[in-house]
Amino acid sequence: MFDAIQEARARGIEIVISTLVPTGRVFPLSAAKGSALALKRIGCVLADNLSPQKARILLMLALTRPHDTGALQQYFEN
């Protein structure tokens, strides 16, 4: 999966990483291939504590504004 995500990022496609764990967050702790930290390093946005459904809606709204990956990450941190 990591290789496919990396290819999508190379094409400029924005990717938001979320989790279905009911009371969990996405933390960039491990540097292993496919970990949240590795995904963040290639430009993925971490959804913090948002469910995938909420993260998708926020991403759709955020993409209506001029953006870069850093600006998108700020939407998910506030």
C-alpha atoms as a PDB file:
ATOM      1  CA  MET A   1       0.000   0.000   0.000  1.00  0.00           C
ATOM      2  CA  PHE A   2       2.861   2.393   0.829  1.00  0.00           C
ATOM      3  CA  ASP A   3       4.252   2.169  -2.702  1.00  0.00           C
ATOM      4  CA  ALA A   4       0.849   3.012  -4.223  1.00  0.00           C
ATOM      5  CA  ILE A   5       0.434   5.956  -1.854  1.00  0.00           C
ATOM      6  CA  GLN A   6       3.941   7.165  -2.689  1.00  0.00           C
ATOM      7  CA  GLU A   7       3.145   7.001  -6.403  1.00  0.00           C
ATOM      8  CA  ALA A   8      -0.085   8.952  -5.888  1.00  0.00           C
ATOM      9  CA  ARG A   9       1.799  11.625  -3.916  1.00  0.00           C
ATOM     10  CA  ALA A  10       4.381  11.857  -6.704  1.00  0.00           C
ATOM     11  CA  ARG A  11       1.491  12.689  -9.047  1.00  0.00           C
ATOM     12  CA  GLY A  12       0.323  15.452  -6.721  1.00  0.00           C
ATOM     13  CA  ILE A  13      -2.717  13.658  -5.319  1.00  0.00           C
ATOM     14  CA  GLU A  14      -3.499  14.702  -1.759  1.00  0.00           C
ATOM     15  CA  ILE A  15      -3.789  11.794   0.702  1.00  0.00           C
ATOM     16  CA  VAL A  16      -5.241  12.011   4.209  1.00  0.00           C
ATOM     17  CA  ILE A  17      -4.459   9.236   6.698  1.00  0.00           C
ATOM     18  CA  SER A  18      -7.143   8.400   9.256  1.00  0.00           C
ATOM     19  CA  THR A  19      -8.139   5.441  11.400  1.00  0.00           C
ATOM     20  CA  LEU A  20     -11.336   3.575  12.192  1.00  0.00           C
ATOM     21  CA  VAL A  21     -10.276   2.984  15.805  1.00  0.00           C
ATOM     22  CA  PRO A  22     -13.096   4.477  17.904  1.00  0.00           C
ATOM     23  CA  THR A  23     -10.889   6.326  20.395  1.00  0.00           C
ATOM     24  CA  GLY A  24      -7.579   6.609  18.598  1.00  0.00           C
ATOM     25  CA  ARG A  25      -5.475   9.182  16.821  1.00  0.00           C
ATOM     26  CA  VAL A  26      -2.973   8.993  14.012  1.00  0.00           C
ATOM     27  CA  PHE A  27       0.448   9.657  15.562  1.00  0.00           C
ATOM     28  CA  PRO A  28       3.698   9.920  13.568  1.00  0.00           C
ATOM     29  CA  LEU A  29       5.789   7.826  15.981  1.00  0.00           C
ATOM     30  CA  SER A  30       7.413   5.007  14.034  1.00  0.00           C
ATOM     31  CA  ALA A  31       9.660   5.444  10.995  1.00  0.00           C
ATOM     32  CA  ALA A  32       8.948   2.007   9.512  1.00  0.00           C
ATOM     33  CA  LYS A  33       7.768   1.767   5.910  1.00  0.00           C
ATOM     34  CA  GLY A  34       4.040   2.454   5.844  1.00  0.00           C
ATOM     35  CA  SER A  35       3.953   4.069   9.297  1.00  0.00           C
ATOM     36  CA  ALA A  36       2.281   7.412   9.891  1.00  0.00           C
ATOM     37  CA  LEU A  37       5.676   9.126  10.137  1.00  0.00           C
ATOM     38  CA  ALA A  38       6.845   7.660   6.813  1.00  0.00           C
ATOM     39  CA  LEU A  39       3.555   8.700   5.199  1.00  0.00           C
ATOM     40  CA  LYS A  40       3.856  12.211   6.607  1.00  0.00           C
ATOM     41  CA  ARG A  41       7.408  12.476   5.243  1.00  0.00           C
ATOM     42  CA  ILE A  42       6.179  11.812   1.702  1.00  0.00           C
ATOM     43  CA  GLY A  43       3.527  14.520   2.053  1.00  0.00           C
ATOM     44  CA  CYS A  44       0.441  12.765   3.381  1.00  0.00           C
ATOM     45  CA  VAL A  45      -1.811  14.672   5.756  1.00  0.00           C
ATOM     46  CA  LEU A  46      -2.585  13.083   9.136  1.00  0.00           C
ATOM     47  CA  ALA A  47      -6.227  13.408  10.209  1.00  0.00           C
ATOM     48  CA  ASP A  48      -5.403  13.403  13.937  1.00  0.00           C
ATOM     49  CA  ASN A  49      -8.575  12.148  15.665  1.00  0.00           C
ATOM     50  CA  LEU A  50     -11.086  12.532  12.807  1.00  0.00           C
ATOM     51  CA  SER A  51     -12.905   9.490  11.510  1.00  0.00           C
ATOM     52  CA  PRO A  52     -12.324   8.675   7.830  1.00  0.00           C
ATOM     53  CA  GLN A  53     -15.792  10.017   7.004  1.00  0.00           C
ATOM     54  CA  LYS A  54     -15.185  13.360   8.726  1.00  0.00           C
ATOM     55  CA  ALA A  55     -11.667  13.586   7.269  1.00  0.00           C
ATOM     56  CA  ARG A  56     -13.080  13.096   3.765  1.00  0.00           C
ATOM     57  CA  ILE A  57     -15.594  15.913   4.213  1.00  0.00           C
ATOM     58  CA  LEU A  58     -12.942  18.251   5.622  1.00  0.00           C
ATOM     59  CA  LEU A  59     -10.596  17.393   2.735  1.00  0.00           C
ATOM     60  CA  MET A  60     -13.308  18.136   0.180  1.00  0.00           C
ATOM     61  CA  LEU A  61     -13.920  21.530   1.790  1.00  0.00           C
ATOM     62  CA  ALA A  62     -10.202  22.291   2.121  1.00  0.00           C
ATOM     63  CA  LEU A  63      -9.547  21.492  -1.546  1.00  0.00           C
ATOM     64  CA  THR A  64     -11.917  24.272  -2.593  1.00  0.00           C
ATOM     65  CA  ARG A  65      -9.267  26.761  -1.405  1.00  0.00           C
ATOM     66  CA  PRO A  66      -5.765  27.303  -2.825  1.00  0.00           C
ATOM     67  CA  HIS A  67      -3.503  24.988  -0.869  1.00  0.00           C
ATOM     68  CA  ASP A  68      -0.281  23.170  -0.349  1.00  0.00           C
ATOM     69  CA  THR A  69       0.302  20.131   1.860  1.00  0.00           C
ATOM     70  CA  GLY A  70       1.326  22.265   4.848  1.00  0.00           C
ATOM     71  CA  ALA A  71      -1.843  24.320   4.620  1.00  0.00           C
ATOM     72  CA  LEU A  72      -3.961  21.161   4.387  1.00  0.00           C
ATOM     73  CA  GLN A  73      -2.312  19.736   7.507  1.00  0.00           C
ATOM     74  CA  GLN A  74      -3.288  22.890   9.406  1.00  0.00           C
ATOM     75  CA  TYR A  75      -6.974  22.269   8.637  1.00  0.00           C
ATOM     76  CA  PHE A  76      -6.688  18.874  10.307  1.00  0.00           C
ATOM     77  CA  GLU A  77      -4.839  20.191  13.358  1.00  0.00           C
ATOM     78  CA  ASN A  78      -7.331  22.926  14.268  1.00  0.00           C
END
